N, C-alpha and C. Protein backbone atom coordinates (compact mmCIF):
# COMPACT_ATOMS: atom_id res chain seq x y z
N MET A 1 26.98 -74.05 12.00
CA MET A 1 28.34 -74.15 12.54
C MET A 1 28.50 -75.51 13.22
N SER A 2 29.58 -76.20 12.89
CA SER A 2 29.86 -77.50 13.48
C SER A 2 30.75 -77.32 14.71
N LEU A 3 30.30 -77.84 15.84
CA LEU A 3 31.05 -77.70 17.09
C LEU A 3 31.79 -78.98 17.41
N THR A 4 32.89 -78.85 18.16
CA THR A 4 33.62 -80.01 18.64
C THR A 4 33.68 -79.96 20.16
N LEU A 5 33.69 -81.13 20.77
CA LEU A 5 33.72 -81.20 22.22
C LEU A 5 34.99 -80.59 22.78
N ALA A 6 36.13 -80.87 22.15
CA ALA A 6 37.41 -80.40 22.68
C ALA A 6 37.50 -78.87 22.67
N THR A 7 37.06 -78.25 21.59
CA THR A 7 37.19 -76.80 21.44
C THR A 7 36.01 -76.05 22.04
N ASP A 8 34.82 -76.51 21.72
CA ASP A 8 33.61 -75.77 22.07
C ASP A 8 32.90 -76.30 23.30
N GLY A 9 33.22 -77.54 23.71
CA GLY A 9 32.52 -78.13 24.83
C GLY A 9 31.20 -78.75 24.47
N ALA A 10 30.94 -78.93 23.17
CA ALA A 10 29.69 -79.52 22.72
C ALA A 10 29.89 -80.15 21.36
N GLN A 11 29.17 -81.24 21.12
CA GLN A 11 29.28 -81.93 19.84
C GLN A 11 27.96 -82.64 19.53
N HIS A 12 27.53 -82.52 18.29
CA HIS A 12 26.25 -83.07 17.84
C HIS A 12 26.49 -84.41 17.14
N ILE A 13 25.71 -85.42 17.52
CA ILE A 13 25.77 -86.72 16.85
C ILE A 13 24.40 -86.99 16.23
N PRO A 14 24.24 -86.69 14.95
CA PRO A 14 22.93 -86.89 14.32
C PRO A 14 22.60 -88.38 14.19
N ALA A 15 21.30 -88.69 14.25
CA ALA A 15 20.81 -90.06 14.03
C ALA A 15 21.59 -91.09 14.84
N ALA A 16 21.87 -90.78 16.09
CA ALA A 16 22.66 -91.69 16.93
C ALA A 16 21.88 -92.92 17.35
N LEU A 17 20.56 -92.81 17.41
CA LEU A 17 19.73 -93.91 17.89
C LEU A 17 18.68 -94.27 16.84
N ASP A 18 18.51 -95.58 16.62
CA ASP A 18 17.53 -96.03 15.63
C ASP A 18 16.14 -96.15 16.26
N ALA A 19 15.17 -96.51 15.45
CA ALA A 19 13.78 -96.56 15.90
C ALA A 19 13.58 -97.54 17.04
N ASP A 20 14.24 -98.70 16.98
CA ASP A 20 14.09 -99.70 18.05
C ASP A 20 14.64 -99.18 19.37
N SER A 21 15.80 -98.52 19.32
CA SER A 21 16.40 -97.98 20.53
C SER A 21 15.50 -96.90 21.14
N LEU A 22 14.94 -96.05 20.29
CA LEU A 22 14.06 -94.99 20.77
C LEU A 22 12.80 -95.57 21.41
N ALA A 23 12.28 -96.61 20.80
CA ALA A 23 11.08 -97.26 21.35
C ALA A 23 11.37 -97.87 22.72
N THR A 24 12.55 -98.44 22.89
CA THR A 24 12.94 -99.02 24.18
C THR A 24 13.04 -97.93 25.24
N ILE A 25 13.64 -96.82 24.90
CA ILE A 25 13.76 -95.70 25.85
C ILE A 25 12.39 -95.17 26.23
N GLU A 26 11.52 -95.00 25.24
CA GLU A 26 10.18 -94.47 25.52
C GLU A 26 9.39 -95.42 26.41
N ALA A 27 9.53 -96.71 26.19
CA ALA A 27 8.83 -97.69 27.02
C ALA A 27 9.34 -97.62 28.46
N ALA A 28 10.65 -97.43 28.63
CA ALA A 28 11.23 -97.35 29.97
C ALA A 28 10.76 -96.10 30.70
N LEU A 29 10.51 -95.02 29.96
CA LEU A 29 10.13 -93.76 30.57
C LEU A 29 8.62 -93.59 30.70
N ALA A 30 7.85 -94.45 30.05
CA ALA A 30 6.39 -94.30 30.01
C ALA A 30 5.73 -94.20 31.38
N PRO A 31 6.20 -94.95 32.40
CA PRO A 31 5.53 -94.86 33.71
C PRO A 31 5.77 -93.55 34.45
N GLN A 32 6.71 -92.72 33.97
CA GLN A 32 7.07 -91.52 34.70
C GLN A 32 6.03 -90.42 34.52
N PRO A 33 5.86 -89.56 35.54
CA PRO A 33 4.92 -88.43 35.42
C PRO A 33 5.31 -87.52 34.26
N THR A 34 4.34 -86.88 33.65
CA THR A 34 4.60 -86.02 32.49
C THR A 34 4.33 -84.55 32.79
N ASP A 35 4.09 -84.23 34.07
CA ASP A 35 3.71 -82.86 34.41
C ASP A 35 4.80 -82.13 35.18
N ARG A 36 6.03 -82.62 35.11
CA ARG A 36 7.13 -81.98 35.83
C ARG A 36 8.17 -81.46 34.86
N ALA A 37 8.75 -80.32 35.19
CA ALA A 37 9.74 -79.72 34.30
C ALA A 37 10.99 -80.58 34.18
N GLY A 38 11.43 -81.13 35.30
CA GLY A 38 12.59 -82.00 35.30
C GLY A 38 12.40 -83.11 36.30
N LEU A 39 12.56 -84.34 35.87
CA LEU A 39 12.31 -85.50 36.74
C LEU A 39 13.60 -86.27 36.91
N ARG A 40 14.08 -86.38 38.15
CA ARG A 40 15.33 -87.07 38.44
C ARG A 40 15.07 -88.57 38.55
N LEU A 41 15.86 -89.34 37.85
CA LEU A 41 15.64 -90.79 37.74
C LEU A 41 16.86 -91.53 38.28
N ALA A 42 16.64 -92.46 39.20
CA ALA A 42 17.74 -93.27 39.73
C ALA A 42 17.66 -94.71 39.27
N SER A 43 16.54 -95.09 38.68
CA SER A 43 16.35 -96.49 38.29
C SER A 43 15.81 -96.58 36.87
N LEU A 44 16.62 -97.13 35.98
CA LEU A 44 16.22 -97.39 34.59
C LEU A 44 16.78 -98.75 34.18
N PRO A 45 16.36 -99.82 34.87
CA PRO A 45 16.98 -101.13 34.62
C PRO A 45 16.83 -101.63 33.18
N VAL A 46 15.75 -101.25 32.53
CA VAL A 46 15.54 -101.69 31.14
C VAL A 46 16.62 -101.13 30.22
N LEU A 47 17.20 -100.01 30.62
CA LEU A 47 18.19 -99.35 29.76
C LEU A 47 19.63 -99.66 30.16
N SER A 48 19.84 -100.56 31.11
CA SER A 48 21.19 -100.77 31.65
C SER A 48 22.19 -101.16 30.57
N VAL A 49 21.78 -101.99 29.63
CA VAL A 49 22.71 -102.39 28.55
C VAL A 49 23.02 -101.20 27.65
N MET A 50 22.00 -100.43 27.31
CA MET A 50 22.20 -99.27 26.44
C MET A 50 23.12 -98.23 27.08
N LEU A 51 23.03 -98.10 28.41
CA LEU A 51 23.81 -97.08 29.11
C LEU A 51 25.22 -97.53 29.46
N SER A 52 25.50 -98.83 29.32
CA SER A 52 26.81 -99.37 29.66
C SER A 52 27.86 -98.90 28.66
N PRO A 53 29.15 -99.04 28.98
CA PRO A 53 30.21 -98.57 28.08
C PRO A 53 30.16 -99.15 26.68
N ALA A 54 29.56 -100.32 26.51
CA ALA A 54 29.46 -100.93 25.18
C ALA A 54 28.10 -100.69 24.54
N GLY A 55 27.20 -99.99 25.23
CA GLY A 55 25.84 -99.81 24.75
C GLY A 55 25.70 -98.70 23.73
N THR A 56 24.54 -98.63 23.13
CA THR A 56 24.32 -97.66 22.05
C THR A 56 24.39 -96.22 22.55
N ILE A 57 24.13 -96.00 23.83
CA ILE A 57 24.29 -94.67 24.41
C ILE A 57 25.62 -94.54 25.12
N GLY A 58 25.92 -95.48 25.99
CA GLY A 58 27.13 -95.40 26.81
C GLY A 58 28.43 -95.39 26.03
N ARG A 59 28.42 -95.98 24.85
CA ARG A 59 29.68 -96.02 24.08
C ARG A 59 30.18 -94.62 23.71
N HIS A 60 29.27 -93.68 23.58
CA HIS A 60 29.70 -92.31 23.27
C HIS A 60 30.46 -91.69 24.44
N ALA A 61 30.07 -92.05 25.65
CA ALA A 61 30.81 -91.59 26.82
C ALA A 61 32.12 -92.35 26.97
N ALA A 62 32.08 -93.68 26.74
CA ALA A 62 33.27 -94.49 26.91
C ALA A 62 34.37 -94.11 25.92
N THR A 63 33.99 -93.69 24.73
CA THR A 63 34.98 -93.26 23.74
C THR A 63 35.82 -92.11 24.27
N LEU A 64 35.22 -91.28 25.10
CA LEU A 64 35.91 -90.09 25.60
C LEU A 64 36.45 -90.27 27.02
N LEU A 65 35.76 -91.06 27.84
CA LEU A 65 36.16 -91.21 29.24
C LEU A 65 36.81 -92.54 29.56
N GLY A 66 36.73 -93.51 28.63
CA GLY A 66 37.27 -94.83 28.88
C GLY A 66 36.20 -95.79 29.34
N ASP A 67 36.59 -97.05 29.47
CA ASP A 67 35.63 -98.11 29.79
C ASP A 67 35.10 -98.04 31.23
N ALA A 68 35.70 -97.19 32.06
CA ALA A 68 35.19 -97.02 33.43
C ALA A 68 34.01 -96.05 33.46
N ALA A 69 33.68 -95.44 32.35
CA ALA A 69 32.58 -94.47 32.30
C ALA A 69 31.26 -95.14 32.69
N ARG A 70 30.51 -94.48 33.53
CA ARG A 70 29.22 -95.01 33.93
C ARG A 70 28.26 -93.84 34.14
N PRO A 71 26.96 -94.07 33.96
CA PRO A 71 25.99 -92.99 34.19
C PRO A 71 25.82 -92.74 35.68
N VAL A 72 25.97 -91.50 36.10
CA VAL A 72 25.92 -91.18 37.53
C VAL A 72 24.70 -90.32 37.88
N ARG A 73 24.00 -89.83 36.86
CA ARG A 73 22.76 -89.09 37.13
C ARG A 73 21.93 -89.07 35.85
N ALA A 74 20.61 -89.16 36.01
CA ALA A 74 19.69 -89.09 34.87
C ALA A 74 18.55 -88.15 35.21
N ILE A 75 18.20 -87.28 34.26
CA ILE A 75 17.09 -86.36 34.43
C ILE A 75 16.28 -86.36 33.13
N LEU A 76 14.98 -86.47 33.25
CA LEU A 76 14.09 -86.39 32.10
C LEU A 76 13.48 -85.00 32.06
N PHE A 77 13.71 -84.29 30.97
CA PHE A 77 13.10 -82.98 30.75
C PHE A 77 12.02 -83.11 29.68
N ASP A 78 10.90 -82.46 29.92
CA ASP A 78 9.85 -82.46 28.90
C ASP A 78 9.15 -81.11 28.90
N LYS A 79 9.52 -80.27 27.96
CA LYS A 79 8.79 -79.01 27.79
C LYS A 79 7.55 -79.27 26.97
N SER A 80 6.50 -78.57 27.31
CA SER A 80 5.24 -78.68 26.58
C SER A 80 4.45 -77.40 26.82
N ALA A 81 3.25 -77.35 26.32
CA ALA A 81 2.42 -76.15 26.53
C ALA A 81 2.12 -75.92 28.00
N THR A 82 2.12 -76.99 28.81
CA THR A 82 1.80 -76.86 30.23
C THR A 82 3.04 -76.81 31.12
N THR A 83 4.19 -77.23 30.62
CA THR A 83 5.45 -77.13 31.37
C THR A 83 6.46 -76.43 30.48
N ASN A 84 6.30 -75.13 30.35
CA ASN A 84 7.09 -74.32 29.41
C ASN A 84 7.90 -73.31 30.22
N TRP A 85 9.01 -73.79 30.78
CA TRP A 85 9.80 -72.98 31.70
C TRP A 85 11.01 -72.36 30.99
N ALA A 86 11.73 -71.52 31.71
CA ALA A 86 12.97 -70.93 31.22
C ALA A 86 14.01 -71.00 32.33
N LEU A 87 15.27 -71.12 31.94
CA LEU A 87 16.38 -71.09 32.89
C LEU A 87 17.43 -70.12 32.37
N GLY A 88 17.94 -69.28 33.26
CA GLY A 88 18.99 -68.36 32.88
C GLY A 88 20.33 -69.07 32.72
N TRP A 89 21.33 -68.32 32.32
CA TRP A 89 22.66 -68.89 32.10
C TRP A 89 23.24 -69.40 33.41
N HIS A 90 23.77 -70.63 33.37
CA HIS A 90 24.30 -71.24 34.58
C HIS A 90 25.19 -72.42 34.21
N GLN A 91 25.89 -72.93 35.21
CA GLN A 91 26.66 -74.17 35.09
C GLN A 91 26.03 -75.23 35.99
N ASP A 92 26.14 -76.50 35.59
CA ASP A 92 25.77 -77.60 36.49
C ASP A 92 26.95 -77.82 37.43
N ARG A 93 26.71 -77.66 38.72
CA ARG A 93 27.81 -77.66 39.69
C ARG A 93 27.68 -78.71 40.77
N THR A 94 26.64 -79.53 40.72
CA THR A 94 26.45 -80.52 41.78
C THR A 94 26.39 -81.92 41.19
N ILE A 95 26.62 -82.90 42.07
CA ILE A 95 26.49 -84.30 41.71
C ILE A 95 25.51 -84.95 42.68
N ALA A 96 24.92 -86.07 42.25
CA ALA A 96 23.97 -86.80 43.10
C ALA A 96 24.68 -87.98 43.76
N VAL A 97 24.51 -88.11 45.07
CA VAL A 97 25.19 -89.17 45.81
C VAL A 97 24.16 -89.94 46.66
N ARG A 98 24.57 -91.12 47.15
CA ARG A 98 23.65 -91.99 47.89
C ARG A 98 23.35 -91.46 49.29
N GLN A 99 24.36 -90.92 49.95
CA GLN A 99 24.12 -90.38 51.28
C GLN A 99 25.14 -89.29 51.57
N ARG A 100 24.79 -88.46 52.52
CA ARG A 100 25.66 -87.34 52.91
C ARG A 100 26.78 -87.84 53.81
N ILE A 101 28.00 -87.68 53.38
CA ILE A 101 29.19 -87.98 54.17
C ILE A 101 30.12 -86.78 54.02
N GLU A 102 30.35 -86.09 55.10
CA GLU A 102 31.20 -84.90 55.03
C GLU A 102 32.59 -85.29 54.54
N THR A 103 33.01 -84.64 53.44
CA THR A 103 34.27 -84.99 52.79
C THR A 103 34.97 -83.70 52.36
N PRO A 104 36.26 -83.53 52.65
CA PRO A 104 36.96 -82.31 52.26
C PRO A 104 36.82 -82.03 50.76
N GLY A 105 36.49 -80.79 50.44
CA GLY A 105 36.36 -80.37 49.05
C GLY A 105 34.97 -80.54 48.48
N PHE A 106 34.08 -81.20 49.25
CA PHE A 106 32.72 -81.44 48.78
C PHE A 106 31.74 -80.62 49.63
N ALA A 107 31.23 -79.53 49.07
CA ALA A 107 30.30 -78.65 49.77
C ALA A 107 29.91 -77.52 48.79
N PRO A 108 28.73 -76.92 49.01
CA PRO A 108 27.71 -77.20 50.01
C PRO A 108 26.82 -78.37 49.60
N TRP A 109 26.01 -78.81 50.56
CA TRP A 109 25.07 -79.90 50.35
C TRP A 109 23.67 -79.35 50.11
N THR A 110 22.92 -80.03 49.24
CA THR A 110 21.52 -79.68 49.01
C THR A 110 20.74 -80.98 48.81
N VAL A 111 19.42 -80.89 48.96
CA VAL A 111 18.54 -82.03 48.69
C VAL A 111 17.59 -81.62 47.57
N LYS A 112 17.61 -82.37 46.48
CA LYS A 112 16.74 -82.10 45.34
C LYS A 112 15.92 -83.35 45.05
N SER A 113 14.61 -83.21 45.08
CA SER A 113 13.70 -84.34 44.86
C SER A 113 14.02 -85.51 45.79
N GLY A 114 14.42 -85.18 47.02
CA GLY A 114 14.72 -86.20 48.01
C GLY A 114 16.08 -86.85 47.85
N ILE A 115 16.90 -86.34 46.93
CA ILE A 115 18.21 -86.93 46.64
C ILE A 115 19.31 -85.98 47.13
N GLN A 116 20.30 -86.53 47.82
CA GLN A 116 21.43 -85.73 48.30
C GLN A 116 22.30 -85.29 47.12
N HIS A 117 22.56 -83.99 47.06
CA HIS A 117 23.45 -83.42 46.06
C HIS A 117 24.54 -82.63 46.77
N VAL A 118 25.69 -82.57 46.14
CA VAL A 118 26.81 -81.82 46.71
C VAL A 118 27.65 -81.25 45.57
N ALA A 119 28.25 -80.10 45.83
CA ALA A 119 29.17 -79.51 44.87
C ALA A 119 30.56 -80.13 45.08
N PRO A 120 31.09 -80.84 44.08
CA PRO A 120 32.42 -81.47 44.22
C PRO A 120 33.52 -80.50 43.80
N PRO A 121 34.76 -80.89 43.94
CA PRO A 121 35.84 -80.07 43.38
C PRO A 121 35.63 -79.86 41.88
N GLN A 122 36.00 -78.70 41.39
CA GLN A 122 35.80 -78.38 39.98
C GLN A 122 36.52 -79.38 39.08
N SER A 123 37.65 -79.90 39.52
CA SER A 123 38.41 -80.83 38.70
C SER A 123 37.61 -82.08 38.37
N LEU A 124 36.74 -82.51 39.28
CA LEU A 124 35.90 -83.68 39.01
C LEU A 124 34.85 -83.34 37.94
N LEU A 125 34.22 -82.18 38.07
CA LEU A 125 33.24 -81.76 37.06
C LEU A 125 33.89 -81.61 35.69
N ASP A 126 35.13 -81.14 35.68
CA ASP A 126 35.83 -80.94 34.41
C ASP A 126 36.07 -82.26 33.67
N ARG A 127 36.07 -83.37 34.38
CA ARG A 127 36.30 -84.67 33.75
C ARG A 127 34.99 -85.40 33.43
N MET A 128 33.86 -84.77 33.68
CA MET A 128 32.58 -85.40 33.43
C MET A 128 32.05 -85.06 32.03
N LEU A 129 31.09 -85.83 31.60
CA LEU A 129 30.48 -85.66 30.29
C LEU A 129 28.97 -85.75 30.44
N THR A 130 28.26 -84.88 29.75
CA THR A 130 26.80 -84.89 29.77
C THR A 130 26.27 -85.25 28.38
N LEU A 131 25.37 -86.21 28.34
CA LEU A 131 24.73 -86.61 27.09
C LEU A 131 23.25 -86.23 27.16
N ARG A 132 22.74 -85.65 26.08
CA ARG A 132 21.32 -85.35 25.98
C ARG A 132 20.74 -86.13 24.80
N ILE A 133 19.83 -87.05 25.13
CA ILE A 133 19.20 -87.91 24.13
C ILE A 133 17.86 -87.30 23.77
N HIS A 134 17.67 -86.98 22.49
CA HIS A 134 16.47 -86.28 22.05
C HIS A 134 15.43 -87.27 21.55
N LEU A 135 14.29 -87.27 22.24
CA LEU A 135 13.18 -88.13 21.85
C LEU A 135 12.18 -87.41 20.96
N ASP A 136 12.30 -86.11 20.87
CA ASP A 136 11.47 -85.29 19.99
C ASP A 136 12.36 -84.30 19.24
N PRO A 137 11.93 -83.88 18.06
CA PRO A 137 12.71 -82.86 17.35
C PRO A 137 12.67 -81.53 18.09
N VAL A 138 13.75 -80.79 18.01
CA VAL A 138 13.86 -79.48 18.65
C VAL A 138 14.32 -78.48 17.60
N ASP A 139 13.42 -77.55 17.26
CA ASP A 139 13.79 -76.50 16.31
C ASP A 139 13.95 -75.18 17.06
N ALA A 140 14.15 -74.11 16.32
CA ALA A 140 14.43 -72.82 16.95
C ALA A 140 13.25 -72.29 17.76
N HIS A 141 12.04 -72.82 17.51
CA HIS A 141 10.85 -72.31 18.19
C HIS A 141 10.43 -73.18 19.37
N ASN A 142 11.12 -74.30 19.58
CA ASN A 142 10.73 -75.23 20.63
C ASN A 142 11.78 -75.32 21.73
N ALA A 143 12.36 -74.18 22.04
CA ALA A 143 13.28 -74.03 23.18
C ALA A 143 14.49 -74.95 23.13
N PRO A 144 15.34 -74.85 22.09
CA PRO A 144 16.58 -75.63 22.10
C PRO A 144 17.48 -75.17 23.24
N LEU A 145 18.32 -76.07 23.70
CA LEU A 145 19.31 -75.69 24.70
C LEU A 145 20.26 -74.67 24.08
N LEU A 146 20.56 -73.62 24.82
CA LEU A 146 21.52 -72.61 24.39
C LEU A 146 22.81 -72.82 25.17
N ILE A 147 23.93 -72.79 24.47
CA ILE A 147 25.22 -72.95 25.15
C ILE A 147 26.15 -71.79 24.77
N ALA A 148 27.15 -71.59 25.60
CA ALA A 148 28.20 -70.61 25.32
C ALA A 148 29.45 -71.41 24.96
N PRO A 149 29.75 -71.57 23.66
CA PRO A 149 30.88 -72.40 23.24
C PRO A 149 32.18 -71.96 23.90
N GLY A 150 32.94 -72.92 24.37
CA GLY A 150 34.24 -72.65 24.98
C GLY A 150 34.19 -72.29 26.45
N SER A 151 32.99 -72.08 27.00
CA SER A 151 32.91 -71.64 28.39
C SER A 151 33.33 -72.73 29.37
N HIS A 152 33.38 -73.98 28.91
CA HIS A 152 33.80 -75.08 29.79
C HIS A 152 35.26 -74.98 30.17
N ARG A 153 36.03 -74.19 29.43
CA ARG A 153 37.47 -74.07 29.69
C ARG A 153 37.79 -73.05 30.78
N HIS A 154 36.78 -72.43 31.34
CA HIS A 154 36.99 -71.37 32.33
C HIS A 154 36.76 -71.83 33.76
N GLY A 155 36.61 -73.12 33.98
CA GLY A 155 36.41 -73.62 35.33
C GLY A 155 35.11 -73.13 35.92
N ARG A 156 35.11 -72.94 37.22
CA ARG A 156 33.91 -72.43 37.90
C ARG A 156 33.81 -70.93 37.63
N VAL A 157 32.75 -70.53 36.99
CA VAL A 157 32.56 -69.13 36.60
C VAL A 157 31.73 -68.41 37.66
N ALA A 158 32.26 -67.33 38.20
CA ALA A 158 31.53 -66.55 39.20
C ALA A 158 30.25 -66.00 38.57
N GLU A 159 29.19 -65.93 39.37
CA GLU A 159 27.90 -65.44 38.86
C GLU A 159 28.05 -64.05 38.24
N THR A 160 28.91 -63.23 38.81
CA THR A 160 29.08 -61.87 38.31
C THR A 160 29.80 -61.83 36.96
N ASP A 161 30.43 -62.95 36.57
CA ASP A 161 31.18 -62.97 35.31
C ASP A 161 30.45 -63.70 34.19
N VAL A 162 29.31 -64.31 34.51
CA VAL A 162 28.62 -65.15 33.53
C VAL A 162 28.19 -64.35 32.31
N ALA A 163 27.51 -63.24 32.52
CA ALA A 163 26.97 -62.46 31.39
C ALA A 163 28.08 -62.00 30.45
N ALA A 164 29.18 -61.52 31.01
CA ALA A 164 30.27 -61.04 30.17
C ALA A 164 30.90 -62.17 29.38
N LEU A 165 31.04 -63.35 29.99
CA LEU A 165 31.64 -64.49 29.28
C LEU A 165 30.73 -64.95 28.14
N VAL A 166 29.42 -64.95 28.38
CA VAL A 166 28.49 -65.33 27.32
C VAL A 166 28.53 -64.32 26.18
N ASP A 167 28.57 -63.03 26.52
CA ASP A 167 28.62 -61.99 25.49
C ASP A 167 29.90 -62.09 24.68
N ARG A 168 31.00 -62.39 25.34
CA ARG A 168 32.29 -62.43 24.66
C ARG A 168 32.40 -63.64 23.74
N GLY A 169 31.91 -64.79 24.19
CA GLY A 169 32.07 -66.01 23.40
C GLY A 169 30.94 -66.30 22.45
N GLY A 170 29.80 -65.62 22.62
CA GLY A 170 28.66 -65.89 21.76
C GLY A 170 27.87 -67.09 22.24
N THR A 171 26.78 -67.38 21.56
CA THR A 171 25.91 -68.48 21.94
C THR A 171 25.60 -69.37 20.73
N HIS A 172 25.17 -70.58 21.02
CA HIS A 172 24.79 -71.53 19.97
C HIS A 172 23.53 -72.26 20.41
N ALA A 173 22.54 -72.33 19.52
CA ALA A 173 21.31 -73.06 19.78
C ALA A 173 21.47 -74.50 19.31
N CYS A 174 21.25 -75.45 20.19
CA CYS A 174 21.49 -76.86 19.90
C CYS A 174 20.23 -77.52 19.34
N LEU A 175 20.02 -77.34 18.05
CA LEU A 175 18.87 -77.94 17.37
C LEU A 175 19.11 -79.44 17.24
N ALA A 176 18.02 -80.19 17.18
CA ALA A 176 18.16 -81.64 17.12
C ALA A 176 16.95 -82.27 16.46
N ALA A 177 17.18 -83.43 15.85
CA ALA A 177 16.11 -84.28 15.35
C ALA A 177 15.89 -85.42 16.33
N ARG A 178 14.76 -86.07 16.21
CA ARG A 178 14.49 -87.24 17.04
C ARG A 178 15.59 -88.29 16.82
N GLY A 179 16.17 -88.79 17.90
CA GLY A 179 17.24 -89.79 17.80
C GLY A 179 18.64 -89.21 17.82
N ASP A 180 18.75 -87.90 17.81
CA ASP A 180 20.07 -87.27 17.90
C ASP A 180 20.56 -87.29 19.35
N ILE A 181 21.88 -87.22 19.50
CA ILE A 181 22.51 -87.04 20.80
C ILE A 181 23.41 -85.81 20.73
N TRP A 182 23.35 -84.99 21.76
CA TRP A 182 24.32 -83.93 21.94
C TRP A 182 25.22 -84.30 23.11
N LEU A 183 26.53 -84.16 22.93
CA LEU A 183 27.52 -84.35 23.98
C LEU A 183 27.96 -82.99 24.50
N TYR A 184 28.10 -82.87 25.82
CA TYR A 184 28.55 -81.61 26.41
C TYR A 184 29.59 -81.85 27.49
N ALA A 185 30.56 -80.95 27.58
CA ALA A 185 31.39 -80.88 28.78
C ALA A 185 30.48 -80.42 29.90
N THR A 186 30.40 -81.16 30.98
CA THR A 186 29.41 -80.89 32.02
C THR A 186 29.44 -79.45 32.54
N PRO A 187 30.62 -78.78 32.68
CA PRO A 187 30.61 -77.42 33.23
C PRO A 187 30.23 -76.32 32.24
N ILE A 188 29.84 -76.64 31.01
CA ILE A 188 29.57 -75.61 30.02
C ILE A 188 28.43 -74.70 30.48
N LEU A 189 28.54 -73.42 30.21
CA LEU A 189 27.45 -72.50 30.51
C LEU A 189 26.31 -72.76 29.53
N HIS A 190 25.11 -72.84 30.07
CA HIS A 190 23.95 -73.12 29.22
C HIS A 190 22.71 -72.44 29.78
N ALA A 191 21.69 -72.33 28.92
CA ALA A 191 20.44 -71.68 29.31
C ALA A 191 19.32 -72.28 28.47
N SER A 192 18.09 -71.95 28.84
CA SER A 192 16.93 -72.42 28.10
C SER A 192 15.83 -71.38 28.19
N GLU A 193 15.29 -71.01 27.05
CA GLU A 193 14.19 -70.06 27.01
C GLU A 193 12.86 -70.80 26.96
N THR A 194 11.78 -70.08 27.16
CA THR A 194 10.47 -70.69 26.95
C THR A 194 10.27 -70.90 25.46
N ALA A 195 9.53 -71.93 25.12
CA ALA A 195 9.25 -72.22 23.71
C ALA A 195 8.22 -71.23 23.18
N THR A 196 8.46 -70.72 21.98
CA THR A 196 7.48 -69.83 21.35
C THR A 196 6.40 -70.63 20.62
N ASP A 197 6.71 -71.87 20.31
CA ASP A 197 5.74 -72.79 19.71
C ASP A 197 5.83 -74.10 20.49
N PRO A 198 5.26 -74.10 21.71
CA PRO A 198 5.50 -75.24 22.61
C PRO A 198 4.88 -76.54 22.13
N ARG A 199 5.73 -77.55 22.06
CA ARG A 199 5.35 -78.93 21.79
C ARG A 199 6.18 -79.79 22.73
N HIS A 200 5.86 -81.06 22.81
CA HIS A 200 6.69 -81.92 23.66
C HIS A 200 8.14 -81.87 23.19
N ARG A 201 9.03 -81.68 24.16
CA ARG A 201 10.46 -81.64 23.89
C ARG A 201 11.14 -82.52 24.93
N ARG A 202 10.96 -83.84 24.74
CA ARG A 202 11.49 -84.80 25.71
C ARG A 202 12.99 -85.01 25.48
N VAL A 203 13.73 -84.84 26.55
CA VAL A 203 15.18 -85.03 26.52
C VAL A 203 15.58 -85.85 27.74
N LEU A 204 16.27 -86.96 27.52
CA LEU A 204 16.85 -87.73 28.62
C LEU A 204 18.30 -87.29 28.77
N GLN A 205 18.58 -86.63 29.88
CA GLN A 205 19.94 -86.12 30.12
C GLN A 205 20.67 -87.04 31.07
N LEU A 206 21.87 -87.44 30.66
CA LEU A 206 22.69 -88.38 31.44
C LEU A 206 24.06 -87.78 31.70
N ASP A 207 24.46 -87.75 32.97
CA ASP A 207 25.82 -87.38 33.32
C ASP A 207 26.65 -88.64 33.47
N TYR A 208 27.84 -88.63 32.88
CA TYR A 208 28.77 -89.76 32.97
C TYR A 208 30.06 -89.33 33.66
N SER A 209 30.63 -90.25 34.42
CA SER A 209 31.93 -90.05 35.04
C SER A 209 32.69 -91.37 35.06
N ALA A 210 34.00 -91.29 35.03
CA ALA A 210 34.85 -92.48 35.19
C ALA A 210 35.59 -92.43 36.51
N ASP A 211 35.29 -91.43 37.35
CA ASP A 211 36.02 -91.25 38.61
C ASP A 211 35.29 -91.88 39.79
N PRO A 212 35.99 -92.58 40.66
CA PRO A 212 35.41 -92.96 41.95
C PRO A 212 35.36 -91.73 42.85
N LEU A 213 34.50 -91.78 43.87
CA LEU A 213 34.41 -90.68 44.82
C LEU A 213 35.19 -91.03 46.08
N PRO A 214 35.77 -90.04 46.74
CA PRO A 214 36.59 -90.31 47.93
C PRO A 214 35.77 -90.35 49.21
N GLY A 215 36.40 -90.77 50.30
CA GLY A 215 35.85 -90.63 51.64
C GLY A 215 34.57 -91.41 51.92
N GLY A 216 34.34 -92.47 51.16
CA GLY A 216 33.11 -93.24 51.38
C GLY A 216 31.92 -92.74 50.62
N LEU A 217 32.03 -91.61 49.91
CA LEU A 217 30.94 -91.12 49.08
C LEU A 217 30.69 -92.10 47.93
N GLU A 218 29.41 -92.22 47.55
CA GLU A 218 29.05 -93.07 46.43
C GLU A 218 28.13 -92.30 45.48
N TRP A 219 28.41 -92.42 44.20
CA TRP A 219 27.50 -91.87 43.20
C TRP A 219 26.12 -92.47 43.40
N LEU A 220 25.09 -91.66 43.19
CA LEU A 220 23.74 -92.23 43.19
C LEU A 220 23.61 -93.23 42.04
N GLY A 221 24.11 -92.83 40.88
CA GLY A 221 24.13 -93.72 39.74
C GLY A 221 22.75 -93.92 39.13
N VAL A 222 22.73 -94.71 38.06
CA VAL A 222 21.50 -95.04 37.35
C VAL A 222 21.48 -96.56 37.22
N LYS A 223 20.64 -97.21 37.97
CA LYS A 223 20.62 -98.68 38.01
C LYS A 223 19.57 -99.22 37.06
């Protein structure tokens, strides 16, 4: 089944990155620890051109969000035989910022990996875009991301309503080859099971936004 971002909240871009681009990304990520389920990254200077609105990665965000689109959060996920976790159905509801500044509409606050996070107004999340860059192939046995197509159109979904919404709309497994990119509406409901045939499943996840933050708040960003 072919999904579209507008209707389903997800879209697959096969062979989005060539061998040279993948090698550059892998070199930039090589110094990072490999024993963590999710590693939050604030500094990827080697990739700044690729992540910019005209870059091989950033252009996919700029096409949808405009030239003001910029990466505001990066997380490296790597499932393997030793880091083979599962996550239930949920929405991404927080953003990463440089420092805590109490601002109307932004709450609650949390600290993840030493980084300040806050839940912004839903309208800001609705305008964001998430890109997942696949550095390894992901088949049905290696824990593909599961999404609930169309769930991004329901705003903030109460925890008590998640299961029913997933059952009603169905699910889709986001299979990928090395070099593929998946685009997602950031608020889409998604989940991840443990891999039944665990191998490295490296994914660089990037959140993009074209919105400034109010009240002196600043995106943590990806420098």
